[in-house]
C-alpha atoms as a PDB file:
ATOM      1  CA  UNK A   1      88.878 -64.974  75.021  1.00  0.00           C
ATOM      2  CA  UNK A   2      85.396 -66.463  75.027  1.00  0.00           C
ATOM      3  CA  UNK A   3      83.504 -66.789  71.748  1.00  0.00           C
ATOM      4  CA  UNK A   4      79.719 -66.767  71.624  1.00  0.00           C
ATOM      5  CA  UNK A   5      77.420 -67.718  68.755  1.00  0.00           C
ATOM      6  CA  UNK A   6      73.732 -67.665  68.036  1.00  0.00           C
ATOM      7  CA  UNK A   7      72.906 -70.971  66.410  1.00  0.00           C
ATOM      8  CA  UNK A   8      70.085 -71.628  63.953  1.00  0.00           C
ATOM      9  CA  UNK A   9      69.770 -75.128  62.441  1.00  0.00           C
ATOM     10  CA  UNK A  10      73.328 -76.011  63.569  1.00  0.00           C
ATOM     11  CA  UNK A  11      74.783 -72.931  61.821  1.00  0.00           C
ATOM     12  CA  UNK A  12      76.511 -70.075  63.651  1.00  0.00           C
ATOM     13  CA  UNK A  13      74.609 -67.073  62.306  1.00  0.00           C
ATOM     14  CA  UNK A  14      76.041 -64.484  64.704  1.00  0.00           C
ATOM     15  CA  UNK A  15      79.493 -64.828  66.296  1.00  0.00           C
ATOM     16  CA  UNK A  16      80.915 -62.379  68.841  1.00  0.00           C
ATOM     17  CA  UNK A  17      83.704 -62.269  71.406  1.00  0.00           C
ATOM     18  CA  UNK A  18      82.025 -59.694  73.657  1.00  0.00           C
ATOM     19  CA  UNK A  19      79.257 -60.581  76.104  1.00  0.00           C
ATOM     20  CA  UNK A  20      76.125 -60.796  73.899  1.00  0.00           C
ATOM     21  CA  UNK A  21      74.111 -59.138  76.705  1.00  0.00           C
ATOM     22  CA  UNK A  22      76.074 -55.934  76.029  1.00  0.00           C
ATOM     23  CA  UNK A  23      75.431 -56.080  72.289  1.00  0.00           C
ATOM     24  CA  UNK A  24      71.922 -57.418  71.721  1.00  0.00           C
ATOM     25  CA  UNK A  25      68.387 -57.043  72.951  1.00  0.00           C
ATOM     26  CA  UNK A  26      67.895 -59.442  75.912  1.00  0.00           C
ATOM     27  CA  UNK A  27      65.712 -61.968  74.055  1.00  0.00           C
ATOM     28  CA  UNK A  28      68.328 -62.242  71.287  1.00  0.00           C
ATOM     29  CA  UNK A  29      71.293 -62.260  73.719  1.00  0.00           C
ATOM     30  CA  UNK A  30      69.702 -65.228  75.499  1.00  0.00           C
ATOM     31  CA  UNK A  31      70.036 -67.297  72.306  1.00  0.00           C
ATOM     32  CA  UNK A  32      73.865 -67.143  72.352  1.00  0.00           C
ATOM     33  CA  UNK A  33      75.982 -70.068  73.545  1.00  0.00           C
ATOM     34  CA  UNK A  34      79.703 -70.468  74.113  1.00  0.00           C
ATOM     35  CA  UNK A  35      81.489 -72.008  71.130  1.00  0.00           C
ATOM     36  CA  UNK A  36      85.145 -72.898  70.541  1.00  0.00           C
ATOM     37  CA  UNK A  37      87.472 -70.009  69.761  1.00  0.00           C
ATOM     38  CA  UNK A  38      87.972 -69.776  66.017  1.00  0.00           C
ATOM     39  CA  UNK A  39      84.316 -70.418  65.265  1.00  0.00           C
ATOM     40  CA  UNK A  40      83.219 -67.987  62.549  1.00  0.00           C
ATOM     41  CA  UNK A  41      79.902 -66.930  61.084  1.00  0.00           C
ATOM     42  CA  UNK A  42      78.581 -69.694  58.845  1.00  0.00           C
ATOM     43  CA  UNK A  43      80.354 -72.477  60.747  1.00  0.00           C
ATOM     44  CA  UNK A  44      78.316 -75.646  61.125  1.00  0.00           C
ATOM     45  CA  UNK A  45      78.193 -77.974  64.111  1.00  0.00           C
ATOM     46  CA  UNK A  46      77.970 -81.735  63.833  1.00  0.00           C
ATOM     47  CA  UNK A  47      78.658 -84.076  66.712  1.00  0.00           C
ATOM     48  CA  UNK A  48      80.223 -81.277  68.742  1.00  0.00           C
ATOM     49  CA  UNK A  49      82.686 -80.415  65.971  1.00  0.00           C
ATOM     50  CA  UNK A  50      82.534 -76.961  64.381  1.00  0.00           C
ATOM     51  CA  UNK A  51      83.455 -76.706  60.702  1.00  0.00           C
ATOM     52  CA  UNK A  52      84.073 -73.314  59.092  1.00  0.00           C
ATOM     53  CA  UNK A  53      82.235 -72.517  55.872  1.00  0.00           C
ATOM     54  CA  UNK A  54      83.928 -73.259  52.567  1.00  0.00           C
ATOM     55  CA  UNK A  55      85.895 -70.297  51.243  1.00  0.00           C
ATOM     56  CA  UNK A  56      83.954 -68.147  48.816  1.00  0.00           C
ATOM     57  CA  UNK A  57      85.241 -68.116  45.269  1.00  0.00           C
ATOM     58  CA  UNK A  58      86.966 -64.955  44.148  1.00  0.00           C
ATOM     59  CA  UNK A  59      84.554 -62.608  42.452  1.00  0.00           C
ATOM     60  CA  UNK A  60      84.583 -62.698  38.693  1.00  0.00           C
ATOM     61  CA  UNK A  61      86.464 -59.897  37.029  1.00  0.00           C
ATOM     62  CA  UNK A  62      84.344 -56.927  36.160  1.00  0.00           C
ATOM     63  CA  UNK A  63      85.023 -54.861  33.099  1.00  0.00           C
ATOM     64  CA  UNK A  64      84.160 -51.290  32.212  1.00  0.00           C
ATOM     65  CA  UNK A  65      81.702 -50.697  29.369  1.00  0.00           C
ATOM     66  CA  UNK A  66      83.455 -50.027  26.069  1.00  0.00           C
ATOM     67  CA  UNK A  67      82.480 -47.519  23.404  1.00  0.00           C
ATOM     68  CA  UNK A  68      81.879 -49.326  20.098  1.00  0.00           C
ATOM     69  CA  UNK A  69      85.085 -47.880  18.584  1.00  0.00           C
ATOM     70  CA  UNK A  70      87.079 -48.872  21.675  1.00  0.00           C
ATOM     71  CA  UNK A  71      85.773 -52.436  21.334  1.00  0.00           C
ATOM     72  CA  UNK A  72      86.526 -52.445  17.593  1.00  0.00           C
ATOM     73  CA  UNK A  73      90.084 -51.269  18.117  1.00  0.00           C
ATOM     74  CA  UNK A  74      90.699 -53.971  20.722  1.00  0.00           C
ATOM     75  CA  UNK A  75      90.808 -56.444  17.802  1.00  0.00           C
ATOM     76  CA  UNK A  76      93.844 -56.543  15.544  1.00  0.00           C
ATOM     77  CA  UNK A  77      93.276 -55.742  11.869  1.00  0.00           C
ATOM     78  CA  UNK A  78      93.763 -59.416  10.943  1.00  0.00           C
ATOM     79  CA  UNK A  79      91.245 -60.490  13.592  1.00  0.00           C
ATOM     80  CA  UNK A  80      88.675 -57.977  12.313  1.00  0.00           C
ATOM     81  CA  UNK A  81      89.178 -59.154   8.727  1.00  0.00           C
ATOM     82  CA  UNK A  82      88.809 -62.818   9.738  1.00  0.00           C
ATOM     83  CA  UNK A  83      85.618 -62.025  11.676  1.00  0.00           C
ATOM     84  CA  UNK A  84      84.120 -60.119   8.723  1.00  0.00           C
ATOM     85  CA  UNK A  85      85.006 -62.913   6.248  1.00  0.00           C
ATOM     86  CA  UNK A  86      83.699 -65.720   8.475  1.00  0.00           C
ATOM     87  CA  UNK A  87      80.701 -67.755   7.362  1.00  0.00           C
ATOM     88  CA  UNK A  88      80.253 -69.244  10.863  1.00  0.00           C
ATOM     89  CA  UNK A  89      76.726 -68.274  12.057  1.00  0.00           C
ATOM     90  CA  UNK A  90      77.928 -67.603  15.620  1.00  0.00           C
ATOM     91  CA  UNK A  91      80.674 -65.269  14.381  1.00  0.00           C
ATOM     92  CA  UNK A  92      78.211 -63.503  12.070  1.00  0.00           C
ATOM     93  CA  UNK A  93      75.788 -62.993  14.981  1.00  0.00           C
ATOM     94  CA  UNK A  94      78.571 -61.793  17.286  1.00  0.00           C
ATOM     95  CA  UNK A  95      79.646 -59.160  14.758  1.00  0.00           C
ATOM     96  CA  UNK A  96      76.022 -58.199  13.992  1.00  0.00           C
ATOM     97  CA  UNK A  97      75.552 -57.423  17.678  1.00  0.00           C
ATOM     98  CA  UNK A  98      78.624 -55.203  17.562  1.00  0.00           C
ATOM     99  CA  UNK A  99      77.254 -53.425  14.472  1.00  0.00           C
ATOM    100  CA  UNK A 100      73.937 -52.796  16.251  1.00  0.00           C
ATOM    101  CA  UNK A 101      75.882 -51.198  19.093  1.00  0.00           C
ATOM    102  CA  UNK A 102      77.561 -48.917  16.551  1.00  0.00           C
ATOM    103  CA  UNK A 103      74.237 -47.972  14.943  1.00  0.00           C
ATOM    104  CA  UNK A 104      72.618 -47.174  18.291  1.00  0.00           C
ATOM    105  CA  UNK A 105      75.794 -45.747  19.865  1.00  0.00           C
ATOM    106  CA  UNK A 106      75.351 -48.220  22.714  1.00  0.00           C
ATOM    107  CA  UNK A 107      78.382 -49.222  24.803  1.00  0.00           C
ATOM    108  CA  UNK A 108      79.524 -52.835  24.685  1.00  0.00           C
ATOM    109  CA  UNK A 109      79.224 -54.448  28.119  1.00  0.00           C
ATOM    110  CA  UNK A 110      82.123 -56.928  28.439  1.00  0.00           C
ATOM    111  CA  UNK A 111      80.446 -58.405  31.534  1.00  0.00           C
ATOM    112  CA  UNK A 112      77.615 -59.856  29.459  1.00  0.00           C
ATOM    113  CA  UNK A 113      77.819 -63.602  29.098  1.00  0.00           C
ATOM    114  CA  UNK A 114      76.937 -63.264  25.406  1.00  0.00           C
ATOM    115  CA  UNK A 115      80.018 -61.084  24.827  1.00  0.00           C
ATOM    116  CA  UNK A 116      82.282 -63.418  26.812  1.00  0.00           C
ATOM    117  CA  UNK A 117      80.899 -66.543  25.139  1.00  0.00           C
ATOM    118  CA  UNK A 118      81.268 -64.880  21.742  1.00  0.00           C
ATOM    119  CA  UNK A 119      84.936 -64.202  22.415  1.00  0.00           C
ATOM    120  CA  UNK A 120      85.394 -67.740  23.752  1.00  0.00           C
ATOM    121  CA  UNK A 121      83.905 -69.046  20.491  1.00  0.00           C
ATOM    122  CA  UNK A 122      86.215 -66.839  18.412  1.00  0.00           C
ATOM    123  CA  UNK A 123      89.126 -68.398  20.324  1.00  0.00           C
ATOM    124  CA  UNK A 124      87.904 -71.982  19.893  1.00  0.00           C
ATOM    125  CA  UNK A 125      90.481 -73.723  17.674  1.00  0.00           C
ATOM    126  CA  UNK A 126      89.551 -75.257  14.340  1.00  0.00           C
ATOM    127  CA  UNK A 127      90.873 -78.563  15.744  1.00  0.00           C
ATOM    128  CA  UNK A 128      88.372 -78.591  18.640  1.00  0.00           C
ATOM    129  CA  UNK A 129      85.224 -80.712  18.703  1.00  0.00           C
ATOM    130  CA  UNK A 130      83.094 -79.008  17.573  1.00  0.00           C
ATOM    131  CA  UNK A 131      85.519 -77.059  15.441  1.00  0.00           C
ATOM    132  CA  UNK A 132      85.575 -73.355  16.162  1.00  0.00           C
ATOM    133  CA  UNK A 133      86.639 -70.508  13.914  1.00  0.00           C
ATOM    134  CA  UNK A 134      90.112 -70.187  15.523  1.00  0.00           C
ATOM    135  CA  UNK A 135      90.191 -66.427  14.955  1.00  0.00           C
ATOM    136  CA  UNK A 136      91.587 -65.356  18.342  1.00  0.00           C
ATOM    137  CA  UNK A 137      94.340 -66.618  20.578  1.00  0.00           C
ATOM    138  CA  UNK A 138      92.891 -67.397  24.019  1.00  0.00           C
ATOM    139  CA  UNK A 139      95.335 -64.907  25.534  1.00  0.00           C
ATOM    140  CA  UNK A 140      93.626 -62.107  23.591  1.00  0.00           C
ATOM    141  CA  UNK A 141      90.236 -62.473  25.303  1.00  0.00           C
ATOM    142  CA  UNK A 142      91.150 -60.564  28.486  1.00  0.00           C
ATOM    143  CA  UNK A 143      92.805 -57.834  26.440  1.00  0.00           C
ATOM    144  CA  UNK A 144      89.647 -57.376  24.368  1.00  0.00           C
ATOM    145  CA  UNK A 145      87.374 -57.432  27.444  1.00  0.00           C
ATOM    146  CA  UNK A 146      89.532 -54.657  28.893  1.00  0.00           C
ATOM    147  CA  UNK A 147      89.454 -52.669  25.640  1.00  0.00           C
ATOM    148  CA  UNK A 148      93.229 -52.789  25.130  1.00  0.00           C
ATOM    149  CA  UNK A 149      93.722 -51.179  21.732  1.00  0.00           C
ATOM    150  CA  UNK A 150      95.870 -52.969  19.177  1.00  0.00           C
END
């Protein structure tokens, strides 16, 4: 099977295995050249060697918005007590944001970096540098982001 590609700046931007003249307007079809089989869109050419693009990273997990009570119940009672008793300014701010969501009946968006970083901080051990509050086990973060009730 013959593979054709339209090349722009040494990058295969369009790759097909059918005759380009049957697929594209004539002026575009004329831009296609034969390339080695296995060449894929995004491949780059250097010195006659075609290199496929680097694999894309897996998309980050996406989480469903959580009602304030659903978010609250994702923490264990001991975690909630430790958060409320904390004098750490970052923990206080994290919980204040939750309380604002309650007051405005606004869902918590677990996809927000501020929510994820807040949970990461809650899971930072007291032995870390800088020392964190050590309120959560790291394994609890995904459960909370998913709203798994405790």
